[in-house]
Amino acid sequence: MATFKTWMKAARPRTVLLSFSGILMGAFLAIAAGQCRPWVFVFAALTGVLLQIVSNLANDYGDFKKGLDSAGRIGPQRGMQSGAITDREMRVAIAVTGFITLLLGAVLVLFVSDLNKNGILVFLALGMLALLAALLYTLGKHPYGYYGLGDVFCFLFFGMAAVAGTYYLASHMVDWSIILPASAMGFLSNAVLNINNMRDVENDRANGKRTLVVKIGSKNAFVYHVLLIVMAFLFLTLFLILHHTPWYTYLFWIVFPLFLHDLIGIKKTADLKQLDPYLGRQVRNTFFLTLAFGILVVL
């Protein structure tokens, strides 16, 4: 039977902070708009984090079943790959975690957010789609992650849905400019996925997993990575310009050197194994950027 430590590793804590960052960005924007609803933020965060964990567990199961988690894989050894988690245990874990995610999401939409009937239907549908996206990334006969579509869904759910969804649930307001910070978080989420796929490019290519990196090549993937980081900062800056915020809000750029340092490191990295630490650093830097931007906007 798998131990608690094994399940913690399977949940991949270093990626969980990424989904929380998207929810946190939406919360900061709602507070800046004068809407502070703590319970909305709490349930949105719990739902978002669990969605990330479901995705991680399903990814562990799907990649193992399709033979990608072989000796040629570079990243940390996964639960099923190591034999620490059995097939049945993983299937039960995915089902239980998925059910809890749906339950928390339903509480958020039906009881916490005070939505009207149309709003309830929209967000219930969005929640179901988010869960399906988390599962079908590597599960099923035609997982979209194997066809280079992971970046699209990552952008939509960990960027647009997380930020704009949290903002609307808390404020009940439609502000199209929220698309800018939501897109920024989508870009940064894609940057995490891109590092993961750059690290695994050889194993993915050998096993028929055609990620975006496999399709465009490692050199172009680095250019794409640079664009993701730069576009994130530019979109956040444009949001501030549109809202005529005070000069000090632009101080969020103080975090940029962290990203620049890692970009230089990734560029110099010749051994794919050495890319793995940058995945966690990208998540951490994204969280720091969210805090810096959010706090300055709220002040």
Protein backbone atom coordinates (compact mmCIF):
# COMPACT_ATOMS: atom_id res chain seq x y z
CA MET A 1 0.00 0.00 0.00
CA ALA A 2 1.34 3.42 -0.99
CA THR A 3 2.57 5.61 1.85
CA PHE A 4 1.56 9.20 2.57
CA LYS A 5 4.99 10.36 1.41
CA THR A 6 4.48 8.55 -1.90
CA TRP A 7 1.12 10.24 -2.45
CA MET A 8 2.63 13.62 -1.64
CA LYS A 9 5.26 13.07 -4.31
CA ALA A 10 2.58 11.92 -6.78
CA ALA A 11 0.61 15.12 -6.13
CA ARG A 12 3.72 17.09 -7.23
CA PRO A 13 3.60 19.93 -4.68
CA ARG A 14 5.92 22.17 -6.70
CA THR A 15 3.28 22.44 -9.45
CA VAL A 16 0.33 22.96 -7.08
CA LEU A 17 1.54 26.47 -6.28
CA LEU A 18 1.00 27.34 -9.94
CA SER A 19 -2.77 26.74 -9.87
CA PHE A 20 -2.98 28.64 -6.58
CA SER A 21 -1.21 31.61 -8.20
CA GLY A 22 -3.94 31.93 -10.83
CA ILE A 23 -6.67 31.97 -8.20
CA LEU A 24 -4.65 34.43 -6.11
CA MET A 25 -4.31 36.79 -9.07
CA GLY A 26 -8.10 36.76 -9.56
CA ALA A 27 -8.58 37.42 -5.84
CA PHE A 28 -6.20 40.38 -5.86
CA LEU A 29 -7.99 41.89 -8.86
CA ALA A 30 -11.39 41.48 -7.18
CA ILE A 31 -10.11 43.13 -4.01
CA ALA A 32 -8.67 45.99 -6.08
CA ALA A 33 -12.16 46.41 -7.59
CA GLY A 34 -13.62 46.71 -4.08
CA GLN A 35 -14.93 43.17 -3.74
CA CYS A 36 -13.47 41.10 -0.91
CA ARG A 37 -15.24 37.77 -0.42
CA PRO A 38 -12.89 35.52 1.56
CA TRP A 39 -14.94 32.33 1.31
CA VAL A 40 -15.08 32.62 -2.47
CA PHE A 41 -11.30 32.85 -2.52
CA VAL A 42 -10.90 29.89 -0.15
CA PHE A 43 -13.18 27.53 -2.08
CA ALA A 44 -11.83 28.69 -5.44
CA ALA A 45 -8.28 28.01 -4.24
CA LEU A 46 -9.16 24.57 -2.88
CA THR A 47 -10.95 23.65 -6.11
CA GLY A 48 -8.11 24.94 -8.29
CA VAL A 49 -5.42 23.15 -6.30
CA LEU A 50 -7.33 19.87 -6.36
CA LEU A 51 -7.80 20.20 -10.12
CA GLN A 52 -4.04 20.46 -10.44
CA ILE A 53 -3.58 17.36 -8.27
CA VAL A 54 -6.14 15.41 -10.30
CA SER A 55 -4.28 16.40 -13.45
CA ASN A 56 -0.96 15.29 -11.94
CA LEU A 57 -2.35 11.92 -10.83
CA ALA A 58 -4.02 11.33 -14.19
CA ASN A 59 -0.76 12.29 -15.92
CA ASP A 60 1.11 9.75 -13.78
CA TYR A 61 -1.39 7.04 -14.69
CA GLY A 62 -1.77 7.92 -18.37
CA ASP A 63 1.93 8.26 -19.18
CA PHE A 64 2.76 5.04 -17.34
CA LYS A 65 0.06 3.10 -19.18
CA LYS A 66 1.28 4.44 -22.52
CA GLY A 67 4.87 3.50 -21.76
CA LEU A 68 6.35 6.99 -21.44
CA ASP A 69 7.50 6.54 -17.84
CA SER A 70 10.32 4.24 -18.83
CA ALA A 71 13.99 4.24 -17.94
CA GLY A 72 14.53 6.93 -20.58
CA ARG A 73 12.47 9.51 -18.73
CA ILE A 74 14.56 12.29 -17.16
CA GLY A 75 12.32 13.86 -14.52
CA PRO A 76 11.71 12.63 -10.96
CA GLN A 77 10.55 9.03 -10.80
CA ARG A 78 6.77 8.84 -10.59
CA GLY A 79 4.59 6.76 -8.31
CA MET A 80 3.45 4.10 -10.76
CA GLN A 81 6.80 4.10 -12.55
CA SER A 82 8.57 3.20 -9.29
CA GLY A 83 5.98 0.59 -8.37
CA ALA A 84 5.13 2.42 -5.13
CA ILE A 85 1.55 2.99 -6.35
CA THR A 86 -0.47 0.20 -7.94
CA ASP A 87 -2.85 0.53 -10.87
CA ARG A 88 -5.89 0.13 -8.65
CA GLU A 89 -4.63 2.58 -6.03
CA MET A 90 -4.05 5.26 -8.65
CA ARG A 91 -7.47 4.76 -10.25
CA VAL A 92 -9.13 5.05 -6.83
CA ALA A 93 -7.08 8.14 -6.00
CA ILE A 94 -8.06 9.83 -9.27
CA ALA A 95 -11.73 9.01 -8.71
CA VAL A 96 -11.77 10.18 -5.08
CA THR A 97 -9.81 13.37 -5.77
CA GLY A 98 -12.01 14.12 -8.77
CA PHE A 99 -15.16 13.65 -6.68
CA ILE A 100 -13.90 15.94 -3.91
CA THR A 101 -12.96 18.53 -6.53
CA LEU A 102 -16.47 18.43 -7.98
CA LEU A 103 -17.99 18.65 -4.51
CA LEU A 104 -15.94 21.72 -3.53
CA GLY A 105 -16.63 23.32 -6.89
CA ALA A 106 -20.36 22.73 -6.46
CA VAL A 107 -20.29 24.31 -2.99
CA LEU A 108 -18.44 27.29 -4.45
CA VAL A 109 -20.90 27.80 -7.29
CA LEU A 110 -24.18 26.87 -5.55
CA PHE A 111 -23.73 28.24 -2.03
CA VAL A 112 -20.75 30.56 -1.71
CA SER A 113 -20.72 32.75 -4.81
CA ASP A 114 -24.36 33.92 -4.76
CA LEU A 115 -24.77 33.54 -8.52
CA ASN A 116 -28.01 33.77 -10.46
CA LYS A 117 -29.38 30.77 -12.34
CA ASN A 118 -27.51 31.49 -15.57
CA GLY A 119 -24.28 32.07 -13.69
CA ILE A 120 -24.68 28.78 -11.83
CA LEU A 121 -25.18 26.86 -15.08
CA VAL A 122 -22.18 28.51 -16.75
CA PHE A 123 -19.81 27.83 -13.87
CA LEU A 124 -21.02 24.29 -13.30
CA ALA A 125 -20.36 23.59 -16.97
CA LEU A 126 -16.97 25.30 -16.73
CA GLY A 127 -16.09 23.16 -13.71
CA MET A 128 -17.00 19.95 -15.52
CA LEU A 129 -14.93 21.01 -18.53
CA ALA A 130 -11.97 21.83 -16.28
CA LEU A 131 -12.12 18.38 -14.68
CA LEU A 132 -12.39 16.67 -18.05
CA ALA A 133 -9.42 18.69 -19.29
CA ALA A 134 -7.42 17.61 -16.24
CA LEU A 135 -8.21 13.96 -16.92
CA LEU A 136 -7.96 13.83 -20.70
CA TYR A 137 -4.51 15.42 -20.91
CA THR A 138 -3.00 11.93 -20.90
CA LEU A 139 -5.98 9.58 -20.35
CA GLY A 140 -8.13 7.96 -23.02
CA LYS A 141 -7.40 6.74 -26.54
CA HIS A 142 -6.66 10.20 -27.89
CA PRO A 143 -5.22 12.34 -25.04
CA TYR A 144 -4.83 15.92 -26.22
CA GLY A 145 -1.45 16.26 -24.49
CA TYR A 146 -0.05 13.79 -27.04
CA TYR A 147 -1.06 16.04 -29.94
CA GLY A 148 0.58 19.29 -28.88
CA LEU A 149 -2.60 20.80 -27.42
CA GLY A 150 -1.47 20.89 -23.80
CA ASP A 151 -0.41 24.53 -24.08
CA VAL A 152 -3.86 25.58 -25.32
CA PHE A 153 -5.74 23.95 -22.46
CA CYS A 154 -3.16 25.05 -19.88
CA PHE A 155 -3.59 28.65 -21.05
CA LEU A 156 -7.39 28.44 -20.96
CA PHE A 157 -7.86 26.78 -17.58
CA PHE A 158 -4.84 27.79 -15.49
CA GLY A 159 -4.83 31.29 -16.93
CA MET A 160 -8.13 32.55 -18.28
CA ALA A 161 -10.54 30.43 -16.22
CA ALA A 162 -8.59 30.65 -12.96
CA VAL A 163 -8.10 34.43 -12.99
CA ALA A 164 -11.24 35.66 -14.76
CA GLY A 165 -13.40 32.99 -13.11
CA THR A 166 -12.27 33.89 -9.60
CA TYR A 167 -12.67 37.60 -10.35
CA TYR A 168 -16.26 37.15 -11.54
CA LEU A 169 -17.26 34.79 -8.73
CA ALA A 170 -16.12 37.39 -6.21
CA SER A 171 -17.28 40.56 -7.95
CA HIS A 172 -20.15 39.54 -10.26
CA MET A 173 -18.72 42.11 -12.66
CA VAL A 174 -17.58 41.76 -16.26
CA ASP A 175 -14.36 43.66 -16.94
CA TRP A 176 -12.83 42.75 -20.27
CA SER A 177 -9.46 44.15 -19.21
CA ILE A 178 -9.15 41.17 -16.83
CA ILE A 179 -8.27 39.19 -19.95
CA LEU A 180 -4.83 40.83 -19.78
CA PRO A 181 -3.68 39.54 -16.36
CA ALA A 182 -5.54 36.29 -17.04
CA SER A 183 -3.55 35.87 -20.26
CA ALA A 184 -0.35 36.73 -18.38
CA MET A 185 -1.00 33.88 -15.95
CA GLY A 186 -1.79 31.62 -18.90
CA PHE A 187 1.55 32.48 -20.49
CA LEU A 188 3.39 31.77 -17.25
CA SER A 189 1.55 28.47 -16.80
CA ASN A 190 2.54 27.51 -20.34
CA ALA A 191 6.14 28.39 -19.45
CA VAL A 192 6.05 25.74 -16.72
CA LEU A 193 4.65 23.18 -19.14
CA ASN A 194 7.22 24.20 -21.74
CA ILE A 195 10.15 23.56 -19.39
CA ASN A 196 8.66 20.17 -18.57
CA ASN A 197 8.34 19.34 -22.26
CA MET A 198 11.83 20.64 -23.11
CA ARG A 199 13.24 18.37 -20.41
CA ASP A 200 11.32 15.34 -21.70
CA VAL A 201 11.58 16.06 -25.43
CA GLU A 202 13.75 13.07 -26.33
CA ASN A 203 11.68 10.55 -24.39
CA ASP A 204 8.42 12.06 -25.68
CA ARG A 205 9.65 11.96 -29.28
CA ALA A 206 10.77 8.35 -28.93
CA ASN A 207 7.39 7.29 -27.52
CA GLY A 208 5.10 9.17 -29.88
CA LYS A 209 4.05 11.97 -27.55
CA ARG A 210 3.99 14.95 -29.90
CA THR A 211 4.13 17.89 -27.51
CA LEU A 212 4.61 21.38 -28.89
CA VAL A 213 8.34 21.11 -28.15
CA VAL A 214 8.56 17.88 -30.15
CA LYS A 215 6.78 19.59 -33.03
CA ILE A 216 8.81 22.81 -33.17
CA GLY A 217 12.16 21.60 -31.82
CA SER A 218 14.13 22.61 -28.73
CA LYS A 219 15.65 25.79 -30.21
CA ASN A 220 12.28 27.20 -31.21
CA ALA A 221 10.87 26.03 -27.88
CA PHE A 222 13.36 28.30 -26.10
CA VAL A 223 12.31 31.26 -28.28
CA TYR A 224 8.70 30.42 -27.44
CA HIS A 225 9.66 30.33 -23.75
CA VAL A 226 11.22 33.79 -23.92
CA LEU A 227 8.09 35.14 -25.63
CA LEU A 228 5.86 33.64 -22.91
CA ILE A 229 7.79 35.43 -20.16
CA VAL A 230 8.04 38.77 -21.99
CA MET A 231 4.37 38.73 -23.03
CA ALA A 232 3.29 38.03 -19.45
CA PHE A 233 5.07 41.14 -18.18
CA LEU A 234 3.86 43.27 -21.09
CA PHE A 235 0.23 42.21 -20.62
CA LEU A 236 0.38 43.03 -16.91
CA THR A 237 1.90 46.42 -17.75
CA LEU A 238 -0.81 47.13 -20.32
CA PHE A 239 -3.46 46.36 -17.70
CA LEU A 240 -1.94 48.97 -15.39
CA ILE A 241 -1.79 51.53 -18.19
CA LEU A 242 -5.45 50.98 -19.08
CA HIS A 243 -6.47 51.47 -15.46
CA HIS A 244 -4.23 54.53 -14.90
CA THR A 245 -2.77 53.02 -11.75
CA PRO A 246 -0.17 54.89 -9.62
CA TRP A 247 3.50 54.81 -10.59
CA TYR A 248 4.45 52.40 -7.82
CA THR A 249 2.30 49.60 -9.25
CA TYR A 250 4.88 49.22 -12.03
CA LEU A 251 7.41 48.14 -9.42
CA PHE A 252 6.23 44.58 -10.00
CA TRP A 253 8.97 44.57 -12.67
CA ILE A 254 11.40 44.15 -9.79
CA VAL A 255 10.66 40.42 -10.09
CA PHE A 256 11.74 40.29 -13.74
CA PRO A 257 15.43 39.62 -12.97
CA LEU A 258 14.41 36.27 -11.43
CA PHE A 259 12.90 35.23 -14.74
CA LEU A 260 15.80 36.68 -16.73
CA HIS A 261 18.32 34.76 -14.60
CA ASP A 262 16.50 31.51 -15.34
CA LEU A 263 16.18 32.28 -19.05
CA ILE A 264 19.94 32.70 -19.22
CA GLY A 265 20.43 29.46 -17.28
CA ILE A 266 18.07 27.52 -19.56
CA LYS A 267 19.82 28.90 -22.63
CA LYS A 268 23.20 27.70 -21.35
CA THR A 269 21.91 24.26 -20.32
CA ALA A 270 23.17 21.51 -22.60
CA ASP A 271 22.15 18.52 -20.46
CA LEU A 272 18.37 18.02 -20.44
CA LYS A 273 18.56 16.64 -16.88
CA GLN A 274 19.68 20.08 -15.70
CA LEU A 275 16.40 21.62 -16.86
CA ASP A 276 14.39 19.95 -14.09
CA PRO A 277 15.18 22.49 -11.30
CA TYR A 278 13.99 25.31 -13.56
CA LEU A 279 10.48 23.87 -13.52
CA GLY A 280 10.13 24.47 -9.79
CA ARG A 281 11.87 27.84 -10.12
CA GLN A 282 9.37 28.92 -12.79
CA VAL A 283 6.48 28.05 -10.47
CA ARG A 284 8.13 29.91 -7.60
CA ASN A 285 8.87 32.98 -9.72
CA THR A 286 5.30 33.03 -10.98
CA PHE A 287 4.04 33.02 -7.40
CA PHE A 288 6.40 35.87 -6.45
CA LEU A 289 5.23 37.86 -9.47
CA THR A 290 1.59 37.29 -8.53
CA LEU A 291 2.25 38.50 -4.99
CA ALA A 292 4.18 41.56 -6.14
CA PHE A 293 1.66 42.58 -8.79
CA GLY A 294 -1.39 41.82 -6.65
CA ILE A 295 -0.20 43.62 -3.52
CA LEU A 296 0.83 46.72 -5.47
CA VAL A 297 -2.51 46.86 -7.30
CA VAL A 298 -4.48 46.52 -4.05
CA LEU A 299 -2.51 49.23 -2.23
